[in-house]
């Protein structure tokens, strides 16, 4: 397990066997996806150095906690369940048995993304503007969303994937599904952290953190539905897109509310 965790962590920064061309595409697509979704929040905050620090710290901390906290907890939970139930029983009840592991992903990732936002919140003196928290949260989520997208893209390229063979084999829609899913997942990470940041600066930090964590778990539950055979890869992408758009709409509604000043 220790070796696997360390290899997973390193895989976020090192892609052996990938060409410079594909590496540039993977990074470029991640940045483009992030730019498109962040533009919806219409804020010049990325002109500040502190915002780039929030993005970088959020991405690094979240990836670190995913590797060294989330993955071990999920593995430990599975091992404990195997003590009481056989693998066949767990697979028959997978829609329920997997819920703890799915909840871990939401609680850990949403909490990790918020750490730099919490630090800034403690430094700001009253009056506190909730939209400041929303924008900072969006920046934090954007950081990890782009990082994860680049990791997925480059892992895909490193596995030997190329657009020509993929499209010729499965068609345009299925061939480009990995990128479709990442496009909307970046939107989700940005929006869920924006909502949590708004709640933090509104004085309801733990409530909105739990809301964002639960939404994250609902998003990740698509993998369970796929594993259980209820949906295919296309429906996973549609599922992810719908959840991401709902959360993004909620974040943008908070961003453009007129009941308090910008």
C-alpha atoms as a PDB file:
ATOM      1  CA  UNK A   1       0.000   0.000   0.000  1.00  0.00           C
ATOM      2  CA  UNK A   2       2.790   2.428   0.902  1.00  0.00           C
ATOM      3  CA  UNK A   3       4.486   1.953  -2.461  1.00  0.00           C
ATOM      4  CA  UNK A   4       1.195   2.378  -4.298  1.00  0.00           C
ATOM      5  CA  UNK A   5       0.415   5.634  -2.460  1.00  0.00           C
ATOM      6  CA  UNK A   6       3.849   7.079  -3.174  1.00  0.00           C
ATOM      7  CA  UNK A   7       3.629   6.096  -6.843  1.00  0.00           C
ATOM      8  CA  UNK A   8       0.175   7.672  -7.057  1.00  0.00           C
ATOM      9  CA  UNK A   9       1.464  10.909  -5.546  1.00  0.00           C
ATOM     10  CA  UNK A  10       4.426  11.032  -7.922  1.00  0.00           C
ATOM     11  CA  UNK A  11       2.131  10.330 -10.883  1.00  0.00           C
ATOM     12  CA  UNK A  12       0.591  13.743 -10.390  1.00  0.00           C
ATOM     13  CA  UNK A  13       3.882  15.386 -11.330  1.00  0.00           C
ATOM     14  CA  UNK A  14       5.788  12.886 -13.459  1.00  0.00           C
ATOM     15  CA  UNK A  15       4.640  11.223 -16.691  1.00  0.00           C
ATOM     16  CA  UNK A  16       7.266   8.837 -18.059  1.00  0.00           C
ATOM     17  CA  UNK A  17       6.940   7.893 -21.704  1.00  0.00           C
ATOM     18  CA  UNK A  18       4.761  10.836 -22.699  1.00  0.00           C
ATOM     19  CA  UNK A  19       5.918  13.062 -25.541  1.00  0.00           C
ATOM     20  CA  UNK A  20       6.475  16.779 -25.086  1.00  0.00           C
ATOM     21  CA  UNK A  21       3.712  17.379 -27.626  1.00  0.00           C
ATOM     22  CA  UNK A  22       1.132  15.367 -25.664  1.00  0.00           C
ATOM     23  CA  UNK A  23       2.323  16.839 -22.392  1.00  0.00           C
ATOM     24  CA  UNK A  24       1.696  20.317 -23.760  1.00  0.00           C
ATOM     25  CA  UNK A  25      -1.766  19.284 -24.974  1.00  0.00           C
ATOM     26  CA  UNK A  26      -2.664  17.817 -21.584  1.00  0.00           C
ATOM     27  CA  UNK A  27      -1.574  20.937 -19.731  1.00  0.00           C
ATOM     28  CA  UNK A  28      -3.071  23.263 -22.317  1.00  0.00           C
ATOM     29  CA  UNK A  29      -6.482  21.593 -22.206  1.00  0.00           C
ATOM     30  CA  UNK A  30      -6.524  21.791 -18.410  1.00  0.00           C
ATOM     31  CA  UNK A  31      -5.749  25.511 -18.518  1.00  0.00           C
ATOM     32  CA  UNK A  32      -8.344  26.161 -21.227  1.00  0.00           C
ATOM     33  CA  UNK A  33     -11.043  24.308 -19.294  1.00  0.00           C
ATOM     34  CA  UNK A  34     -10.185  26.299 -16.185  1.00  0.00           C
ATOM     35  CA  UNK A  35     -10.187  29.622 -18.033  1.00  0.00           C
ATOM     36  CA  UNK A  36     -13.592  28.953 -19.581  1.00  0.00           C
ATOM     37  CA  UNK A  37     -15.303  28.145 -16.304  1.00  0.00           C
ATOM     38  CA  UNK A  38     -13.565  30.792 -14.238  1.00  0.00           C
ATOM     39  CA  UNK A  39     -14.584  33.453 -16.754  1.00  0.00           C
ATOM     40  CA  UNK A  40     -18.201  32.895 -15.683  1.00  0.00           C
ATOM     41  CA  UNK A  41     -17.399  34.374 -12.267  1.00  0.00           C
ATOM     42  CA  UNK A  42     -16.238  37.604 -13.918  1.00  0.00           C
ATOM     43  CA  UNK A  43     -13.673  38.765 -11.380  1.00  0.00           C
ATOM     44  CA  UNK A  44     -10.183  40.251 -11.741  1.00  0.00           C
ATOM     45  CA  UNK A  45      -8.909  38.461  -8.635  1.00  0.00           C
ATOM     46  CA  UNK A  46      -6.463  36.347 -10.644  1.00  0.00           C
ATOM     47  CA  UNK A  47      -4.502  39.535 -11.177  1.00  0.00           C
ATOM     48  CA  UNK A  48      -3.346  39.236  -7.568  1.00  0.00           C
ATOM     49  CA  UNK A  49      -0.365  37.119  -6.574  1.00  0.00           C
ATOM     50  CA  UNK A  50      -2.191  35.836  -3.500  1.00  0.00           C
ATOM     51  CA  UNK A  51      -4.823  34.229  -5.714  1.00  0.00           C
ATOM     52  CA  UNK A  52      -2.215  32.250  -7.606  1.00  0.00           C
ATOM     53  CA  UNK A  53      -0.791  31.164  -4.249  1.00  0.00           C
ATOM     54  CA  UNK A  54      -4.269  29.959  -3.222  1.00  0.00           C
ATOM     55  CA  UNK A  55      -4.585  28.015  -6.481  1.00  0.00           C
ATOM     56  CA  UNK A  56      -1.189  26.354  -6.106  1.00  0.00           C
ATOM     57  CA  UNK A  57      -1.508  25.552  -2.412  1.00  0.00           C
ATOM     58  CA  UNK A  58      -5.024  24.181  -2.861  1.00  0.00           C
ATOM     59  CA  UNK A  59      -3.940  21.907  -5.712  1.00  0.00           C
ATOM     60  CA  UNK A  60      -0.899  20.581  -3.856  1.00  0.00           C
ATOM     61  CA  UNK A  61      -2.642  20.082  -0.505  1.00  0.00           C
ATOM     62  CA  UNK A  62      -5.670  18.413  -2.035  1.00  0.00           C
ATOM     63  CA  UNK A  63      -3.598  16.007  -4.097  1.00  0.00           C
ATOM     64  CA  UNK A  64      -1.450  15.227  -1.047  1.00  0.00           C
ATOM     65  CA  UNK A  65      -4.469  14.458   1.133  1.00  0.00           C
ATOM     66  CA  UNK A  66      -6.086  12.406  -1.625  1.00  0.00           C
ATOM     67  CA  UNK A  67      -2.993  10.217  -1.808  1.00  0.00           C
ATOM     68  CA  UNK A  68      -2.040  10.002   1.862  1.00  0.00           C
ATOM     69  CA  UNK A  69      -5.416  10.241   3.609  1.00  0.00           C
ATOM     70  CA  UNK A  70      -8.314   9.493   1.254  1.00  0.00           C
ATOM     71  CA  UNK A  71      -6.841   6.436  -0.472  1.00  0.00           C
ATOM     72  CA  UNK A  72      -5.641   4.752   2.772  1.00  0.00           C
ATOM     73  CA  UNK A  73      -9.005   5.405   4.447  1.00  0.00           C
ATOM     74  CA  UNK A  74     -10.883   3.936   1.518  1.00  0.00           C
ATOM     75  CA  UNK A  75      -8.609   0.902   1.486  1.00  0.00           C
ATOM     76  CA  UNK A  76      -8.914   0.425   5.246  1.00  0.00           C
ATOM     77  CA  UNK A  77     -12.704   0.660   5.083  1.00  0.00           C
ATOM     78  CA  UNK A  78     -12.784  -1.975   2.353  1.00  0.00           C
ATOM     79  CA  UNK A  79     -10.534  -4.260   4.419  1.00  0.00           C
ATOM     80  CA  UNK A  80     -12.791  -3.891   7.469  1.00  0.00           C
ATOM     81  CA  UNK A  81     -15.882  -4.673   5.411  1.00  0.00           C
ATOM     82  CA  UNK A  82     -14.185  -7.785   4.037  1.00  0.00           C
ATOM     83  CA  UNK A  83     -13.829  -9.049   7.607  1.00  0.00           C
ATOM     84  CA  UNK A  84     -17.591  -9.104   8.100  1.00  0.00           C
ATOM     85  CA  UNK A  85     -18.848  -9.777   4.573  1.00  0.00           C
ATOM     86  CA  UNK A  86     -17.602 -11.783   1.626  1.00  0.00           C
ATOM     87  CA  UNK A  87     -16.641 -10.132  -1.647  1.00  0.00           C
ATOM     88  CA  UNK A  88     -19.757 -11.561  -3.297  1.00  0.00           C
ATOM     89  CA  UNK A  89     -22.010 -10.002  -0.660  1.00  0.00           C
ATOM     90  CA  UNK A  90     -20.285  -6.638  -0.973  1.00  0.00           C
ATOM     91  CA  UNK A  91     -20.648  -6.686  -4.752  1.00  0.00           C
ATOM     92  CA  UNK A  92     -24.335  -7.546  -4.464  1.00  0.00           C
ATOM     93  CA  UNK A  93     -24.781  -4.581  -2.118  1.00  0.00           C
ATOM     94  CA  UNK A  94     -22.256  -2.302  -3.782  1.00  0.00           C
ATOM     95  CA  UNK A  95     -24.699   0.618  -4.072  1.00  0.00           C
ATOM     96  CA  UNK A  96     -24.740   0.795  -0.256  1.00  0.00           C
ATOM     97  CA  UNK A  97     -21.369  -0.723   0.658  1.00  0.00           C
ATOM     98  CA  UNK A  98     -19.399   1.864  -1.292  1.00  0.00           C
ATOM     99  CA  UNK A  99     -21.058   4.897   0.319  1.00  0.00           C
ATOM    100  CA  UNK A 100     -18.386   5.407   3.053  1.00  0.00           C
ATOM    101  CA  UNK A 101     -15.590   5.471   0.478  1.00  0.00           C
ATOM    102  CA  UNK A 102     -17.529   7.907  -1.671  1.00  0.00           C
ATOM    103  CA  UNK A 103     -18.192  10.175   1.313  1.00  0.00           C
ATOM    104  CA  UNK A 104     -14.466  10.221   2.121  1.00  0.00           C
ATOM    105  CA  UNK A 105     -13.705  11.657  -1.304  1.00  0.00           C
ATOM    106  CA  UNK A 106     -16.092  14.573  -0.814  1.00  0.00           C
ATOM    107  CA  UNK A 107     -15.158  15.352   2.785  1.00  0.00           C
ATOM    108  CA  UNK A 108     -11.401  15.191   2.220  1.00  0.00           C
ATOM    109  CA  UNK A 109     -11.178  16.961  -1.117  1.00  0.00           C
ATOM    110  CA  UNK A 110     -13.584  19.771  -0.282  1.00  0.00           C
ATOM    111  CA  UNK A 111     -11.862  20.297   3.061  1.00  0.00           C
ATOM    112  CA  UNK A 112      -8.400  20.308   1.536  1.00  0.00           C
ATOM    113  CA  UNK A 113      -9.353  22.820  -1.149  1.00  0.00           C
ATOM    114  CA  UNK A 114     -10.636  25.176   1.556  1.00  0.00           C
ATOM    115  CA  UNK A 115      -7.482  25.217   3.700  1.00  0.00           C
ATOM    116  CA  UNK A 116      -5.856  28.290   2.069  1.00  0.00           C
ATOM    117  CA  UNK A 117      -9.249  30.059   2.022  1.00  0.00           C
ATOM    118  CA  UNK A 118      -9.664  29.429   5.758  1.00  0.00           C
ATOM    119  CA  UNK A 119      -6.196  30.863   6.349  1.00  0.00           C
ATOM    120  CA  UNK A 120      -7.069  34.075   4.478  1.00  0.00           C
ATOM    121  CA  UNK A 121     -10.437  34.314   6.219  1.00  0.00           C
ATOM    122  CA  UNK A 122      -8.693  34.363   9.597  1.00  0.00           C
ATOM    123  CA  UNK A 123      -6.515  37.267   8.430  1.00  0.00           C
ATOM    124  CA  UNK A 124      -9.372  39.475   7.182  1.00  0.00           C
ATOM    125  CA  UNK A 125     -10.881  41.926   9.633  1.00  0.00           C
ATOM    126  CA  UNK A 126     -14.614  42.821   9.608  1.00  0.00           C
ATOM    127  CA  UNK A 127     -16.649  43.679   7.660  1.00  0.00           C
ATOM    128  CA  UNK A 128     -16.555  40.348   5.879  1.00  0.00           C
ATOM    129  CA  UNK A 129     -17.933  40.150   2.330  1.00  0.00           C
ATOM    130  CA  UNK A 130     -19.235  36.655   1.453  1.00  0.00           C
ATOM    131  CA  UNK A 131     -18.473  37.241  -2.220  1.00  0.00           C
ATOM    132  CA  UNK A 132     -14.800  37.516  -1.328  1.00  0.00           C
ATOM    133  CA  UNK A 133     -15.030  34.023   0.127  1.00  0.00           C
ATOM    134  CA  UNK A 134     -16.875  32.787  -2.935  1.00  0.00           C
ATOM    135  CA  UNK A 135     -14.236  34.126  -5.310  1.00  0.00           C
ATOM    136  CA  UNK A 136     -11.378  32.764  -3.201  1.00  0.00           C
ATOM    137  CA  UNK A 137     -13.141  29.422  -2.992  1.00  0.00           C
ATOM    138  CA  UNK A 138     -13.568  29.409  -6.756  1.00  0.00           C
ATOM    139  CA  UNK A 139      -9.844  30.095  -7.175  1.00  0.00           C
ATOM    140  CA  UNK A 140      -8.980  27.251  -4.792  1.00  0.00           C
ATOM    141  CA  UNK A 141     -11.283  24.816  -6.579  1.00  0.00           C
ATOM    142  CA  UNK A 142      -9.984  25.964  -9.934  1.00  0.00           C
ATOM    143  CA  UNK A 143      -6.445  25.111  -8.857  1.00  0.00           C
ATOM    144  CA  UNK A 144      -7.228  21.505  -8.027  1.00  0.00           C
ATOM    145  CA  UNK A 145      -9.638  21.137 -10.929  1.00  0.00           C
ATOM    146  CA  UNK A 146      -6.914  22.096 -13.414  1.00  0.00           C
ATOM    147  CA  UNK A 147      -4.326  19.929 -11.645  1.00  0.00           C
ATOM    148  CA  UNK A 148      -6.592  16.882 -11.709  1.00  0.00           C
ATOM    149  CA  UNK A 149      -7.521  17.502 -15.352  1.00  0.00           C
ATOM    150  CA  UNK A 150      -3.858  17.670 -16.360  1.00  0.00           C
ATOM    151  CA  UNK A 151      -3.183  14.456 -14.413  1.00  0.00           C
ATOM    152  CA  UNK A 152      -6.048  12.623 -16.116  1.00  0.00           C
ATOM    153  CA  UNK A 153      -5.151  13.931 -19.569  1.00  0.00           C
ATOM    154  CA  UNK A 154      -1.480  13.058 -19.299  1.00  0.00           C
ATOM    155  CA  UNK A 155      -2.201   9.663 -17.724  1.00  0.00           C
ATOM    156  CA  UNK A 156      -4.410   8.982 -20.736  1.00  0.00           C
ATOM    157  CA  UNK A 157      -1.677  10.002 -23.179  1.00  0.00           C
ATOM    158  CA  UNK A 158       0.932   8.005 -21.246  1.00  0.00           C
ATOM    159  CA  UNK A 159      -1.239   4.883 -21.592  1.00  0.00           C
ATOM    160  CA  UNK A 160      -0.911   5.150 -25.385  1.00  0.00           C
ATOM    161  CA  UNK A 161      -4.190   6.874 -26.189  1.00  0.00           C
ATOM    162  CA  UNK A 162      -4.315   8.947 -29.346  1.00  0.00           C
ATOM    163  CA  UNK A 163      -7.225  10.762 -30.889  1.00  0.00           C
ATOM    164  CA  UNK A 164      -7.045   9.190 -34.337  1.00  0.00           C
ATOM    165  CA  UNK A 165      -7.241   5.572 -33.212  1.00  0.00           C
ATOM    166  CA  UNK A 166      -9.756   6.329 -30.483  1.00  0.00           C
ATOM    167  CA  UNK A 167     -12.195   8.107 -32.792  1.00  0.00           C
ATOM    168  CA  UNK A 168     -11.780   5.541 -35.567  1.00  0.00           C
ATOM    169  CA  UNK A 169     -12.463   2.722 -33.098  1.00  0.00           C
ATOM    170  CA  UNK A 170     -15.274   4.145 -30.948  1.00  0.00           C
ATOM    171  CA  UNK A 171     -16.488   7.230 -32.825  1.00  0.00           C
ATOM    172  CA  UNK A 172     -16.170  10.934 -32.032  1.00  0.00           C
ATOM    173  CA  UNK A 173     -18.496  10.978 -29.030  1.00  0.00           C
ATOM    174  CA  UNK A 174     -16.985   8.049 -27.147  1.00  0.00           C
ATOM    175  CA  UNK A 175     -13.480   8.916 -28.278  1.00  0.00           C
ATOM    176  CA  UNK A 176     -13.618  12.338 -26.664  1.00  0.00           C
ATOM    177  CA  UNK A 177     -15.576  11.365 -23.515  1.00  0.00           C
ATOM    178  CA  UNK A 178     -12.545  11.588 -21.177  1.00  0.00           C
ATOM    179  CA  UNK A 179     -12.095  15.239 -22.096  1.00  0.00           C
ATOM    180  CA  UNK A 180     -15.827  15.997 -21.910  1.00  0.00           C
ATOM    181  CA  UNK A 181     -15.915  14.596 -18.377  1.00  0.00           C
ATOM    182  CA  UNK A 182     -12.861  16.594 -17.275  1.00  0.00           C
ATOM    183  CA  UNK A 183     -14.277  19.767 -18.774  1.00  0.00           C
ATOM    184  CA  UNK A 184     -17.306  19.560 -16.514  1.00  0.00           C
ATOM    185  CA  UNK A 185     -15.374  18.225 -13.518  1.00  0.00           C
ATOM    186  CA  UNK A 186     -13.243  21.378 -13.558  1.00  0.00           C
ATOM    187  CA  UNK A 187     -16.509  23.326 -13.419  1.00  0.00           C
ATOM    188  CA  UNK A 188     -17.636  21.269 -10.432  1.00  0.00           C
ATOM    189  CA  UNK A 189     -14.418  21.720  -8.447  1.00  0.00           C
ATOM    190  CA  UNK A 190     -14.545  25.466  -9.041  1.00  0.00           C
ATOM    191  CA  UNK A 191     -18.215  25.816  -8.113  1.00  0.00           C
ATOM    192  CA  UNK A 192     -18.258  23.504  -5.086  1.00  0.00           C
ATOM    193  CA  UNK A 193     -15.341  25.352  -3.493  1.00  0.00           C
ATOM    194  CA  UNK A 194     -16.935  28.689  -4.379  1.00  0.00           C
ATOM    195  CA  UNK A 195     -20.093  27.697  -2.497  1.00  0.00           C
ATOM    196  CA  UNK A 196     -18.072  26.450   0.484  1.00  0.00           C
ATOM    197  CA  UNK A 197     -16.028  29.670   0.484  1.00  0.00           C
ATOM    198  CA  UNK A 198     -19.203  31.763   0.409  1.00  0.00           C
ATOM    199  CA  UNK A 199     -20.526  29.870   3.414  1.00  0.00           C
ATOM    200  CA  UNK A 200     -17.237  30.250   5.264  1.00  0.00           C
ATOM    201  CA  UNK A 201     -17.241  34.028   4.875  1.00  0.00           C
ATOM    202  CA  UNK A 202     -20.956  34.113   5.678  1.00  0.00           C
ATOM    203  CA  UNK A 203     -20.310  32.540   9.080  1.00  0.00           C
ATOM    204  CA  UNK A 204     -21.740  29.149   8.076  1.00  0.00           C
ATOM    205  CA  UNK A 205     -18.538  27.393   7.190  1.00  0.00           C
ATOM    206  CA  UNK A 206     -19.221  23.857   8.368  1.00  0.00           C
ATOM    207  CA  UNK A 207     -22.757  23.812   6.947  1.00  0.00           C
ATOM    208  CA  UNK A 208     -21.667  24.813   3.450  1.00  0.00           C
ATOM    209  CA  UNK A 209     -18.606  22.580   3.662  1.00  0.00           C
ATOM    210  CA  UNK A 210     -20.927  19.617   4.260  1.00  0.00           C
ATOM    211  CA  UNK A 211     -23.185  20.707   1.407  1.00  0.00           C
ATOM    212  CA  UNK A 212     -20.224  20.868  -0.986  1.00  0.00           C
ATOM    213  CA  UNK A 213     -18.872  17.551   0.309  1.00  0.00           C
ATOM    214  CA  UNK A 214     -22.218  15.842  -0.198  1.00  0.00           C
ATOM    215  CA  UNK A 215     -22.482  17.261  -3.726  1.00  0.00           C
ATOM    216  CA  UNK A 216     -18.974  15.943  -4.403  1.00  0.00           C
ATOM    217  CA  UNK A 217     -19.992  12.496  -3.162  1.00  0.00           C
ATOM    218  CA  UNK A 218     -23.072  12.547  -5.407  1.00  0.00           C
ATOM    219  CA  UNK A 219     -20.835  13.403  -8.364  1.00  0.00           C
ATOM    220  CA  UNK A 220     -18.444  10.548  -7.599  1.00  0.00           C
ATOM    221  CA  UNK A 221     -21.318   8.107  -7.122  1.00  0.00           C
ATOM    222  CA  UNK A 222     -21.472   7.898 -10.915  1.00  0.00           C
ATOM    223  CA  UNK A 223     -18.479   5.548 -10.718  1.00  0.00           C
ATOM    224  CA  UNK A 224     -20.479   3.210  -8.466  1.00  0.00           C
ATOM    225  CA  UNK A 225     -23.410   3.208 -10.874  1.00  0.00           C
ATOM    226  CA  UNK A 226     -21.016   2.403 -13.706  1.00  0.00           C
ATOM    227  CA  UNK A 227     -19.310  -0.394 -11.748  1.00  0.00           C
ATOM    228  CA  UNK A 228     -22.695  -1.901 -10.904  1.00  0.00           C
ATOM    229  CA  UNK A 229     -23.634  -1.838 -14.588  1.00  0.00           C
ATOM    230  CA  UNK A 230     -26.462   0.690 -14.345  1.00  0.00           C
ATOM    231  CA  UNK A 231     -24.894   3.234 -16.689  1.00  0.00           C
ATOM    232  CA  UNK A 232     -22.226   3.225 -19.385  1.00  0.00           C
ATOM    233  CA  UNK A 233     -19.383   5.680 -20.028  1.00  0.00           C
ATOM    234  CA  UNK A 234     -21.591   8.007 -22.033  1.00  0.00           C
ATOM    235  CA  UNK A 235     -24.144   8.256 -19.249  1.00  0.00           C
ATOM    236  CA  UNK A 236     -21.372   8.858 -16.711  1.00  0.00           C
ATOM    237  CA  UNK A 237     -20.320  11.904 -18.702  1.00  0.00           C
ATOM    238  CA  UNK A 238     -23.920  13.138 -18.924  1.00  0.00           C
ATOM    239  CA  UNK A 239     -24.374  12.547 -15.195  1.00  0.00           C
ATOM    240  CA  UNK A 240     -21.189  14.488 -14.395  1.00  0.00           C
ATOM    241  CA  UNK A 241     -22.227  17.325 -16.707  1.00  0.00           C
ATOM    242  CA  UNK A 242     -25.677  17.659 -15.120  1.00  0.00           C
ATOM    243  CA  UNK A 243     -24.396  17.670 -11.528  1.00  0.00           C
ATOM    244  CA  UNK A 244     -21.602  20.106 -12.422  1.00  0.00           C
ATOM    245  CA  UNK A 245     -23.991  22.506 -14.148  1.00  0.00           C
ATOM    246  CA  UNK A 246     -26.396  22.451 -11.196  1.00  0.00           C
ATOM    247  CA  UNK A 247     -23.616  23.264  -8.722  1.00  0.00           C
ATOM    248  CA  UNK A 248     -22.176  25.902 -11.057  1.00  0.00           C
ATOM    249  CA  UNK A 249     -25.608  27.531 -11.389  1.00  0.00           C
ATOM    250  CA  UNK A 250     -25.898  27.662  -7.584  1.00  0.00           C
ATOM    251  CA  UNK A 251     -22.437  29.218  -7.243  1.00  0.00           C
ATOM    252  CA  UNK A 252     -23.141  31.825  -9.930  1.00  0.00           C
ATOM    253  CA  UNK A 253     -26.484  32.669  -8.318  1.00  0.00           C
ATOM    254  CA  UNK A 254     -24.625  33.443  -5.101  1.00  0.00           C
ATOM    255  CA  UNK A 255     -21.980  35.353  -7.055  1.00  0.00           C
ATOM    256  CA  UNK A 256     -24.483  37.686  -8.735  1.00  0.00           C
ATOM    257  CA  UNK A 257     -27.030  38.135  -5.962  1.00  0.00           C
ATOM    258  CA  UNK A 258     -28.016  41.765  -5.457  1.00  0.00           C
ATOM    259  CA  UNK A 259     -28.967  41.655  -1.769  1.00  0.00           C
ATOM    260  CA  UNK A 260     -25.500  42.863  -0.753  1.00  0.00           C
ATOM    261  CA  UNK A 261     -22.725  44.837  -2.367  1.00  0.00           C
ATOM    262  CA  UNK A 262     -19.973  43.304  -4.500  1.00  0.00           C
END
